C-alpha cells in the first residue's frame, strides 16, 4: 500500500467515508467524519480509514494489513431526535478532543499532526451503541409540560442523551423517581403548585416559569413535546424570572379570595339585571349595592306590577339576599384569618388596607422575599405606567394590562377610600395627596397612593416590622 506524504494532502474539506467490513462487528454510524489536512483530496488511491467504536475495540495487529490510520473516537450515544445547534456544538467539541491512535504501520512519518477532526449529525436516526440506554447518566434539569392526564418530559443528561417522553398522570412520579433529576422546570399553570410541593418534598429543586416567558422558546407548531422543550430552554436562561411555589396555606387563602370574587361578580350581575328589568316598569333605583338592597323591596311593593312580575322580582330579591349572606360569610372568614395571621395584622395597619387586601397580599407574595425591592412588587401588581422607550427617549403611558388584576383592583379601591377622606386630615401624607390630586388629577393620585402602599407593604413583610406613619 502506497504511502501518502503530508505534502500531497489538500486543504479542501472532504468527507471521510467509513469502510464496511462484513467479516467484523462494524456498522456505518450514520455520522460523517472529515479531515482538514493540506494540499490534496483524501480520496487518495490505496488509502483506507477505520473508525473504532471505543478505545481498545479494534486490535492494531488485526488491522495491520487493512488501514493506514485508526481514529479512536469515543462517539456520543445514539439519539432519539436531533438537538439542533446545541448537539452540533457538543459534537464538534467532543471530536476535537478525540484521541488519535498512531497508525499500525511502521511508517509514522506519513501522518500530518496538524489535521483537525470535525463531526456533524446525520438527519437519519443513529443506531444505538452497545450498553447505552436513555437515562444512564445524571440528569440535572428536567422540563415537564403539565396536563390533566397526559404529561411530557424533556431533558438532556450529562452524556448528551436527549430525553423526550410522554408520561401518563399515574406514572409521572415513578418516572421522576427513575430519572432522578436535580431540578424540575414547569410552567406556572394549573396544578403547577401542587406538583411543585410534591417534587420539593422529594428533594428536587423546582422552577416555575410564567407561560408568557416560555412562549418565545417554543419552536414550530404547538404540541406537548415542543412546549416541554421550550420550558427546558427557558429554564436555562440566566436572567429568567421564576415563580415561587405556593404553600398549602397560601393556596387555601387564595381559593377563598377566588370564591369571594365569584360571589361579588354574581351579586353585581344580578343587581344590574334587576335594575334593568325594573327600569322597564318605570322603577329607577340609585347605583350602589347597599342602596339597591335597602330600597328595592319597598320599590317593588309600591310599583304598579302584575302578580306574575311581582312574584318574579320577589324570587330575584331572595336570590340576592342569599348571595349577600354568602358574601358576608366569606368576609367573616377573611377577618378571622387576618386577626390570627401576624403578617396580615401588620398589613392591616396601613392606610387603605383592610382584611381583604391584607389577606390577598399574603396569599400572593407570602413574605415578599422573592422581590428585590418594593418597587418590583408595585410593578408586579401593575401599579406603574406602561413603558415604551426607544432611541433613548422614554415614553410612559397609563397602567397596562400586565398585572395581578385582582390585587391591583383591591388596592386601588383601598386608595380611593383614603382619598375620599382627605378633607378630614391635615398630616404630611394627606397634604402630599391633596397637592398631587390638584396637580395631576384625582385618578392618578389614587394610583400613586396604591403604589406607595405596595412599597410600604413590601417593607413591612420583609422586615417584619409594624407600620408607623411619618410625623
Protein backbone atom coordinates (compact mmCIF):
# COMPACT_ATOMS: atom_id res chain seq x y z
CA UNK A 1 0.00 0.00 0.00
CA UNK A 2 1.43 3.31 -1.06
CA UNK A 3 2.40 5.90 1.49
CA UNK A 4 0.71 9.30 1.43
CA UNK A 5 3.04 12.19 2.13
CA UNK A 6 1.67 15.14 4.14
CA UNK A 7 2.70 17.49 1.32
CA UNK A 8 0.25 15.77 -1.04
CA UNK A 9 -2.81 16.22 1.20
CA UNK A 10 -5.05 19.13 0.23
CA UNK A 11 -6.59 21.90 2.30
CA UNK A 12 -10.12 21.31 0.99
CA UNK A 13 -12.55 19.66 3.42
CA UNK A 14 -13.60 16.23 2.17
CA UNK A 15 -15.84 13.59 3.76
CA UNK A 16 -14.18 10.56 5.27
CA UNK A 17 -16.22 7.55 4.12
CA UNK A 18 -16.42 4.75 6.68
CA UNK A 19 -15.34 1.38 5.37
CA UNK A 20 -17.63 -1.63 5.79
CA UNK A 21 -16.02 -4.93 6.77
CA UNK A 22 -18.59 -7.75 6.53
CA UNK A 23 -16.41 -10.17 8.46
CA UNK A 24 -16.18 -7.89 11.50
CA UNK A 25 -18.54 -6.29 14.02
CA UNK A 26 -18.68 -2.90 12.38
CA UNK A 27 -21.56 -0.80 11.11
CA UNK A 28 -21.71 2.60 9.45
CA UNK A 29 -22.58 5.04 12.21
CA UNK A 30 -24.72 7.40 10.14
CA UNK A 31 -22.24 10.13 11.07
CA UNK A 32 -19.79 11.84 8.73
CA UNK A 33 -16.22 12.46 9.84
CA UNK A 34 -13.93 14.74 7.86
CA UNK A 35 -10.28 15.74 7.96
CA UNK A 36 -8.85 19.15 7.11
CA UNK A 37 -5.32 18.24 6.04
CA UNK A 38 -3.18 20.06 3.47
CA UNK A 39 -2.83 20.13 -0.32
CA UNK A 40 -4.62 17.02 -1.74
CA UNK A 41 -8.05 15.34 -1.62
CA UNK A 42 -8.49 12.48 0.83
CA UNK A 43 -9.77 10.22 -1.95
CA UNK A 44 -6.15 9.18 -2.50
CA UNK A 45 -5.87 5.73 -4.18
CA UNK A 46 -4.97 2.98 -1.77
CA UNK A 47 -5.82 4.91 1.40
CA UNK A 48 -8.40 3.38 3.78
CA UNK A 49 -9.65 4.60 7.13
CA UNK A 50 -11.41 2.84 10.00
CA UNK A 51 -13.21 4.42 12.97
CA UNK A 52 -13.29 2.41 16.20
CA UNK A 53 -16.39 2.11 18.42
CA UNK A 54 -14.48 2.72 21.63
CA UNK A 55 -10.89 2.66 22.90
CA UNK A 56 -9.43 -0.80 22.52
CA UNK A 57 -12.28 -2.13 20.37
CA UNK A 58 -10.02 -2.68 17.35
CA UNK A 59 -6.81 -4.65 17.69
CA UNK A 60 -3.86 -2.98 15.97
CA UNK A 61 -2.33 -6.32 14.97
CA UNK A 62 -5.57 -7.45 13.35
CA UNK A 63 -5.75 -4.21 11.38
CA UNK A 64 -2.11 -4.15 10.38
CA UNK A 65 -2.87 -5.19 6.80
CA UNK A 66 -6.02 -3.03 6.36
CA UNK A 67 -5.92 0.64 7.39
CA UNK A 68 -3.38 3.38 7.07
CA UNK A 69 -4.76 5.20 10.15
CA UNK A 70 -7.06 4.34 13.07
CA UNK A 71 -9.05 7.21 14.60
CA UNK A 72 -10.04 6.32 18.16
CA UNK A 73 -13.17 8.48 18.69
CA UNK A 74 -15.46 7.98 21.72
CA UNK A 75 -18.73 8.84 19.94
CA UNK A 76 -21.71 10.21 21.80
CA UNK A 77 -24.57 7.70 22.35
CA UNK A 78 -27.45 7.34 19.94
CA UNK A 79 -30.15 10.00 20.00
CA UNK A 80 -33.86 9.61 19.51
CA UNK A 81 -34.12 13.03 17.87
CA UNK A 82 -31.89 15.87 16.70
CA UNK A 83 -30.91 18.56 19.14
CA UNK A 84 -30.01 21.30 16.64
CA UNK A 85 -27.17 23.72 17.28
CA UNK A 86 -26.55 22.55 20.84
CA UNK A 87 -25.80 18.97 19.76
CA UNK A 88 -23.72 20.22 16.83
CA UNK A 89 -21.56 22.26 19.21
CA UNK A 90 -21.22 19.31 21.56
CA UNK A 91 -20.15 17.04 18.69
CA UNK A 92 -17.55 19.50 17.48
CA UNK A 93 -16.11 19.97 20.95
CA UNK A 94 -16.17 16.22 21.59
CA UNK A 95 -14.48 15.24 18.35
CA UNK A 96 -11.86 17.96 18.64
CA UNK A 97 -10.75 16.36 21.90
CA UNK A 98 -10.74 12.81 20.49
CA UNK A 99 -7.55 10.84 20.90
CA UNK A 100 -5.72 9.93 17.68
CA UNK A 101 -4.17 6.47 17.75
CA UNK A 102 -0.90 6.14 15.88
CA UNK A 103 -1.09 4.12 12.66
CA UNK A 104 -0.47 0.44 12.94
CA UNK A 105 2.01 0.60 10.13
CA UNK A 106 5.60 1.39 10.94
CA UNK A 107 5.92 4.48 8.73
CA UNK A 108 4.57 7.06 11.24
CA UNK A 109 6.20 9.89 9.33
CA UNK A 110 3.26 9.85 6.90
CA UNK A 111 0.92 11.40 9.48
CA UNK A 112 0.40 15.14 9.47
CA UNK A 113 -0.13 16.02 13.16
CA UNK A 114 -1.80 19.30 12.30
CA UNK A 115 -5.07 17.98 10.87
CA UNK A 116 -8.38 18.68 12.64
CA UNK A 117 -11.31 16.35 13.20
CA UNK A 118 -14.84 17.65 12.57
CA UNK A 119 -18.21 15.90 13.04
CA UNK A 120 -21.84 16.59 12.25
CA UNK A 121 -25.10 14.72 12.88
CA UNK A 122 -26.94 12.88 10.16
CA UNK A 123 -30.67 13.56 9.53
CA UNK A 124 -31.36 9.86 9.98
CA UNK A 125 -31.63 8.21 13.37
CA UNK A 126 -28.32 6.96 14.71
CA UNK A 127 -28.12 3.30 15.74
CA UNK A 128 -27.79 2.60 19.43
CA UNK A 129 -24.35 1.71 20.72
CA UNK A 130 -23.88 -1.38 22.87
CA UNK A 131 -24.54 -0.64 26.53
CA UNK A 132 -26.14 2.80 26.01
CA UNK A 133 -29.58 3.42 27.42
CA UNK A 134 -31.70 6.52 27.92
CA UNK A 135 -31.23 7.78 31.47
CA UNK A 136 -27.91 6.06 32.26
CA UNK A 137 -26.25 9.38 33.02
CA UNK A 138 -27.20 12.02 35.58
CA UNK A 139 -29.98 14.45 34.68
CA UNK A 140 -29.53 17.96 36.02
CA UNK A 141 -32.66 19.57 34.54
CA UNK A 142 -35.97 18.04 33.50
CA UNK A 143 -38.77 20.10 31.94
CA UNK A 144 -42.38 18.92 32.25
CA UNK A 145 -45.30 20.14 30.19
CA UNK A 146 -48.24 19.72 32.56
CA UNK A 147 -51.72 18.49 31.71
CA UNK A 148 -54.68 16.82 33.35
CA UNK A 149 -53.92 13.25 32.32
CA UNK A 150 -51.00 13.47 29.90
CA UNK A 151 -47.57 14.95 30.66
CA UNK A 152 -44.46 15.35 28.52
CA UNK A 153 -40.90 15.30 29.87
CA UNK A 154 -37.83 16.75 28.15
CA UNK A 155 -34.22 16.74 29.30
CA UNK A 156 -30.60 16.17 28.29
CA UNK A 157 -28.39 14.07 30.55
CA UNK A 158 -24.69 14.57 31.26
CA UNK A 159 -23.74 12.29 28.36
CA UNK A 160 -25.79 14.33 25.88
CA UNK A 161 -28.66 11.85 25.52
CA UNK A 162 -31.90 13.70 24.73
CA UNK A 163 -34.96 12.50 26.60
CA UNK A 164 -38.40 13.30 25.16
CA UNK A 165 -41.05 11.12 26.72
CA UNK A 166 -44.84 11.18 27.08
CA UNK A 167 -45.98 10.11 30.55
CA UNK A 168 -49.43 9.47 31.99
CA UNK A 169 -50.53 11.02 35.26
CA UNK A 170 -50.34 7.77 37.22
CA UNK A 171 -46.76 7.13 36.09
CA UNK A 172 -45.32 10.63 36.46
CA UNK A 173 -43.93 10.18 39.98
CA UNK A 174 -42.49 6.81 39.02
CA UNK A 175 -40.77 8.39 36.01
CA UNK A 176 -39.35 11.23 38.13
CA UNK A 177 -38.02 8.69 40.63
CA UNK A 178 -36.40 6.72 37.80
CA UNK A 179 -34.77 9.74 36.13
CA UNK A 180 -33.85 11.42 39.45
CA UNK A 181 -33.29 14.96 38.08
CA UNK A 182 -31.73 17.61 40.28
CA UNK A 183 -34.06 20.38 39.03
CA UNK A 184 -37.58 20.20 37.60
CA UNK A 185 -38.92 23.10 35.49
CA UNK A 186 -42.61 23.66 34.74
CA UNK A 187 -44.93 26.39 33.56
CA UNK A 188 -46.75 28.22 36.36
CA UNK A 189 -50.16 27.00 35.19
CA UNK A 190 -52.97 24.82 36.57
CA UNK A 191 -51.76 22.25 39.16
CA UNK A 192 -48.16 23.54 38.96
CA UNK A 193 -48.02 24.44 42.66
CA UNK A 194 -49.39 21.02 43.65
CA UNK A 195 -46.71 19.21 41.67
CA UNK A 196 -44.11 21.72 42.85
CA UNK A 197 -44.82 20.93 46.51
CA UNK A 198 -44.74 17.21 45.71
CA UNK A 199 -41.36 17.43 43.98
CA UNK A 200 -39.92 19.67 46.72
CA UNK A 201 -40.91 17.03 49.28
CA UNK A 202 -38.83 14.52 47.27
CA UNK A 203 -35.72 16.74 47.45
CA UNK A 204 -35.93 18.17 43.92
CA UNK A 205 -35.37 21.81 43.10
CA UNK A 206 -38.46 23.26 41.40
CA UNK A 207 -38.55 26.15 38.89
CA UNK A 208 -41.91 27.59 37.83
CA UNK A 209 -41.93 29.89 34.80
CA UNK A 210 -44.62 32.28 33.64
CA UNK A 211 -46.08 30.83 30.39
CA UNK A 212 -45.63 34.23 28.76
CA UNK A 213 -41.85 33.84 29.18
CA UNK A 214 -41.87 30.30 27.75
CA UNK A 215 -43.70 31.13 24.53
CA UNK A 216 -40.68 32.73 22.72
CA UNK A 217 -38.71 29.49 23.17
CA UNK A 218 -41.33 27.21 21.58
CA UNK A 219 -40.19 26.24 18.07
CA UNK A 220 -42.60 25.31 15.30
CA UNK A 221 -46.21 24.32 15.85
CA UNK A 222 -47.59 23.94 19.34
CA UNK A 223 -47.55 20.44 20.79
CA UNK A 224 -46.62 18.89 24.12
CA UNK A 225 -43.09 17.93 23.04
CA UNK A 226 -42.34 21.42 21.69
CA UNK A 227 -43.77 23.01 24.85
CA UNK A 228 -41.61 20.82 27.08
CA UNK A 229 -38.52 21.66 25.02
CA UNK A 230 -39.39 25.36 25.25
CA UNK A 231 -39.69 25.10 29.03
CA UNK A 232 -36.28 23.42 29.13
CA UNK A 233 -34.66 26.19 27.07
CA UNK A 234 -36.36 28.95 29.10
CA UNK A 235 -35.20 27.43 32.39
CA UNK A 236 -31.57 27.61 31.22
CA UNK A 237 -31.69 31.38 30.71
CA UNK A 238 -29.53 33.12 33.35
CA UNK A 239 -31.89 36.14 33.54
CA UNK A 240 -35.14 34.17 33.70
CA UNK A 241 -37.58 35.14 36.47
CA UNK A 242 -39.24 32.28 38.30
CA UNK A 243 -42.48 31.96 40.24
CA UNK A 244 -42.16 30.73 43.85
CA UNK A 245 -44.08 27.61 44.79
CA UNK A 246 -47.09 28.46 46.94
CA UNK A 247 -47.70 26.70 50.23
CA UNK A 248 -50.99 24.98 51.03
CA UNK A 249 -51.92 27.87 53.34
CA UNK A 250 -51.37 30.37 50.54
CA UNK A 251 -53.47 28.37 48.12
CA UNK A 252 -56.24 27.99 50.70
CA UNK A 253 -56.30 31.74 51.22
CA UNK A 254 -56.20 32.42 47.50
CA UNK A 255 -59.04 29.96 46.89
CA UNK A 256 -61.10 31.84 49.45
CA UNK A 257 -60.48 35.08 47.55
CA UNK A 258 -61.40 33.46 44.22
CA UNK A 259 -64.68 32.23 45.72
CA UNK A 260 -65.39 35.68 47.12
CA UNK A 261 -64.67 37.32 43.76
CA UNK A 262 -67.11 34.95 42.05
CA UNK A 263 -69.86 35.79 44.57
CA UNK A 264 -69.24 39.53 44.18
CA UNK A 265 -69.46 39.25 40.38
CA UNK A 266 -72.66 37.20 40.60
CA UNK A 267 -74.24 39.69 43.01
CA UNK A 268 -73.28 42.66 40.83
CA UNK A 269 -74.67 40.95 37.72
CA UNK A 270 -77.95 40.17 39.50
CA UNK A 271 -78.32 43.75 40.76
CA UNK A 272 -77.73 45.14 37.27
CA UNK A 273 -80.19 42.61 35.85
CA UNK A 274 -82.89 43.60 38.32
CA UNK A 275 -82.21 47.32 37.84
CA UNK A 276 -82.63 46.94 34.09
CA UNK A 277 -85.90 45.00 34.42
CA UNK A 278 -87.32 47.44 36.98
CA UNK A 279 -86.45 50.33 34.68
CA UNK A 280 -88.80 48.84 32.07
CA UNK A 281 -91.64 49.34 34.59
CA UNK A 282 -90.66 52.87 35.48
CA UNK A 283 -88.84 51.98 38.73
CA UNK A 284 -85.46 53.76 38.85
CA UNK A 285 -83.12 52.94 41.73
CA UNK A 286 -79.80 54.64 42.64
CA UNK A 287 -76.44 53.00 41.98
CA UNK A 288 -74.65 51.08 44.68
CA UNK A 289 -75.27 47.61 46.05
CA UNK A 290 -76.22 48.71 49.56
CA UNK A 291 -78.63 51.39 48.24
CA UNK A 292 -80.28 48.85 45.97
CA UNK A 293 -80.69 46.33 48.79
CA UNK A 294 -82.30 48.89 51.11
CA UNK A 295 -84.68 50.39 48.52
CA UNK A 296 -85.54 47.56 46.10
CA UNK A 297 -88.07 45.78 48.31
CA UNK A 298 -90.14 48.92 49.00
CA UNK A 299 -89.94 49.99 45.35
CA UNK A 300 -91.31 46.63 44.19
CA UNK A 301 -94.20 46.81 46.68
CA UNK A 302 -95.25 50.33 45.64
CA UNK A 303 -94.77 49.88 41.87
CA UNK A 304 -97.67 49.10 39.56
CA UNK A 305 -96.76 45.50 38.68
CA UNK A 306 -98.74 42.42 37.79
CA UNK A 307 -98.85 39.46 40.15
CA UNK A 308 -96.56 37.47 37.85
CA UNK A 309 -93.95 40.25 37.69
CA UNK A 310 -94.15 40.92 41.42
CA UNK A 311 -93.54 37.23 42.15
CA UNK A 312 -90.62 37.22 39.72
CA UNK A 313 -88.94 40.19 41.41
CA UNK A 314 -89.56 38.60 44.81
CA UNK A 315 -87.65 35.50 43.73
CA UNK A 316 -84.81 37.63 42.38
CA UNK A 317 -84.64 39.56 45.66
CA UNK A 318 -84.45 36.28 47.58
CA UNK A 319 -81.61 35.13 45.36
CA UNK A 320 -79.85 38.44 46.00
CA UNK A 321 -80.21 38.02 49.77
CA UNK A 322 -78.68 34.54 49.56
CA UNK A 323 -75.68 35.90 47.67
CA UNK A 324 -75.35 38.72 50.18
CA UNK A 325 -75.34 36.24 53.08
CA UNK A 326 -72.74 34.11 51.30
CA UNK A 327 -70.53 37.17 50.77
CA UNK A 328 -70.91 38.16 54.42
CA UNK A 329 -69.79 34.69 55.49
CA UNK A 330 -66.68 34.86 53.30
CA UNK A 331 -65.84 38.31 54.68
CA UNK A 332 -66.08 36.99 58.25
CA UNK A 333 -63.72 34.14 57.34
CA UNK A 334 -61.19 36.58 55.91
CA UNK A 335 -61.48 38.76 59.01
CA UNK A 336 -60.81 35.76 61.29
CA UNK A 337 -57.73 34.80 59.26
CA UNK A 338 -56.48 38.40 59.30
CA UNK A 339 -56.73 38.53 63.10
CA UNK A 340 -54.77 35.28 63.59
CA UNK A 341 -52.07 35.85 60.95
CA UNK A 342 -49.21 38.06 62.14
CA UNK A 343 -48.30 39.38 58.67
CA UNK A 344 -51.93 40.27 57.94
CA UNK A 345 -52.20 42.12 61.25
CA UNK A 346 -49.19 44.24 60.36
CA UNK A 347 -50.50 44.99 56.89
CA UNK A 348 -53.96 45.96 58.13
CA UNK A 349 -52.41 48.93 59.96
CA UNK A 350 -51.57 50.59 56.63
CA UNK A 351 -53.97 53.31 55.40
CA UNK A 352 -56.41 51.86 52.88
CA UNK A 353 -55.59 48.25 53.77
CA UNK A 354 -58.23 46.07 55.39
CA UNK A 355 -58.70 42.31 55.86
CA UNK A 356 -59.39 41.71 52.16
CA UNK A 357 -56.24 43.46 50.89
CA UNK A 358 -54.04 42.15 53.71
CA UNK A 359 -55.01 38.51 53.15
CA UNK A 360 -54.79 38.91 49.37
CA UNK A 361 -51.23 40.27 49.65
CA UNK A 362 -50.11 37.42 51.90
CA UNK A 363 -51.74 34.86 49.60
CA UNK A 364 -50.00 36.33 46.56
CA UNK A 365 -46.48 37.21 47.79
CA UNK A 366 -46.13 35.47 51.19
CA UNK A 367 -43.22 37.25 52.94
CA UNK A 368 -42.16 39.18 49.80
CA UNK A 369 -38.55 37.97 49.81
CA UNK A 370 -38.65 36.88 46.16
CA UNK A 371 -38.94 40.57 45.23
CA UNK A 372 -35.72 42.57 45.48
CA UNK A 373 -37.49 45.81 46.38
CA UNK A 374 -40.88 47.36 46.97
CA UNK A 375 -40.60 48.89 43.51
CA UNK A 376 -40.54 45.39 41.97
CA UNK A 377 -43.62 44.42 43.97
CA UNK A 378 -45.51 47.52 42.82
CA UNK A 379 -44.53 46.80 39.20
CA UNK A 380 -45.64 43.16 39.51
CA UNK A 381 -49.04 44.22 40.88
CA UNK A 382 -49.37 46.62 37.94
CA UNK A 383 -49.24 49.99 39.68
CA UNK A 384 -46.64 51.51 37.34
CA UNK A 385 -47.03 53.22 33.94
CA UNK A 386 -46.65 51.25 30.74
CA UNK A 387 -43.24 51.98 29.23
CA UNK A 388 -42.22 52.30 25.58
CA UNK A 389 -38.65 53.56 25.27
CA UNK A 390 -36.69 53.59 22.04
CA UNK A 391 -33.65 55.53 20.89
CA UNK A 392 -33.04 56.74 24.43
CA UNK A 393 -36.40 58.55 24.51
CA UNK A 394 -38.62 57.29 27.35
CA UNK A 395 -42.37 57.25 26.79
CA UNK A 396 -44.66 56.45 29.68
CA UNK A 397 -48.37 55.72 29.34
CA UNK A 398 -51.09 54.61 31.70
CA UNK A 399 -51.09 51.47 33.79
CA UNK A 400 -51.04 48.47 31.46
CA UNK A 401 -52.80 45.13 31.30
CA UNK A 402 -49.78 43.20 32.58
CA UNK A 403 -50.74 42.98 36.24
CA UNK A 404 -52.25 40.97 39.06
CA UNK A 405 -55.67 42.37 38.27
CA UNK A 406 -57.45 41.21 41.42
CA UNK A 407 -54.83 42.58 43.79
CA UNK A 408 -54.47 45.83 41.84
CA UNK A 409 -58.23 46.39 41.87
CA UNK A 410 -58.45 45.87 45.61
CA UNK A 411 -55.52 48.19 46.34
CA UNK A 412 -56.96 50.93 44.14
CA UNK A 413 -60.31 50.58 45.92
CA UNK A 414 -58.50 50.99 49.23
CA UNK A 415 -56.59 54.04 47.98
CA UNK A 416 -59.82 55.57 46.71
CA UNK A 417 -61.38 55.18 50.17
CA UNK A 418 -58.42 57.09 51.65
CA UNK A 419 -58.75 59.86 49.04
CA UNK A 420 -62.42 60.37 49.86
CA UNK A 421 -61.47 61.16 53.48
CA UNK A 422 -58.61 63.57 52.81
CA UNK A 423 -60.61 66.61 53.87
CA UNK A 424 -60.69 65.36 57.47
CA UNK A 425 -56.90 65.06 57.76
CA UNK A 426 -54.05 67.54 57.55
CA UNK A 427 -50.96 65.40 58.16
CA UNK A 428 -47.92 65.23 55.87
CA UNK A 429 -49.22 62.36 53.73
CA UNK A 430 -52.64 63.99 53.29
CA UNK A 431 -51.05 67.26 52.20
CA UNK A 432 -48.94 65.41 49.63
CA UNK A 433 -52.03 63.67 48.26
CA UNK A 434 -54.00 66.90 48.02
CA UNK A 435 -51.19 68.60 46.11
CA UNK A 436 -50.78 65.60 43.83
CA UNK A 437 -54.52 65.43 43.08
CA UNK A 438 -54.57 69.15 42.27
CA UNK A 439 -51.51 68.86 40.04
CA UNK A 440 -52.07 65.52 38.27
CA UNK A 441 -55.72 64.62 38.81
CA UNK A 442 -57.75 62.51 41.19
CA UNK A 443 -57.30 59.12 39.49
CA UNK A 444 -53.53 59.46 39.10
CA UNK A 445 -53.28 60.37 42.77
CA UNK A 446 -55.19 57.18 43.62
CA UNK A 447 -52.76 55.01 41.64
CA UNK A 448 -49.78 56.84 43.18
CA UNK A 449 -51.13 56.17 46.68
CA UNK A 450 -51.70 52.48 45.84
CA UNK A 451 -48.11 52.29 44.55
CA UNK A 452 -46.76 53.80 47.74
CA UNK A 453 -48.91 51.42 49.81
CA UNK A 454 -47.48 48.43 47.92
CA UNK A 455 -43.90 49.58 48.61
CA UNK A 456 -44.64 50.08 52.29
CA UNK A 457 -46.31 46.66 52.41
CA UNK A 458 -43.15 45.03 51.00
CA UNK A 459 -41.07 46.69 53.73
CA UNK A 460 -43.49 45.56 56.41
CA UNK A 461 -43.49 41.97 55.12
CA UNK A 462 -39.73 41.59 54.60
CA UNK A 463 -38.59 43.36 57.77
CA UNK A 464 -41.48 42.07 59.90
CA UNK A 465 -41.95 45.48 61.44
CA UNK A 466 -45.11 47.37 62.30
CA UNK A 467 -46.08 50.38 60.22
CA UNK A 468 -45.53 53.80 61.76
CA UNK A 469 -46.82 56.86 59.90
CA UNK A 470 -44.45 59.74 59.25
CA UNK A 471 -44.85 62.71 61.55
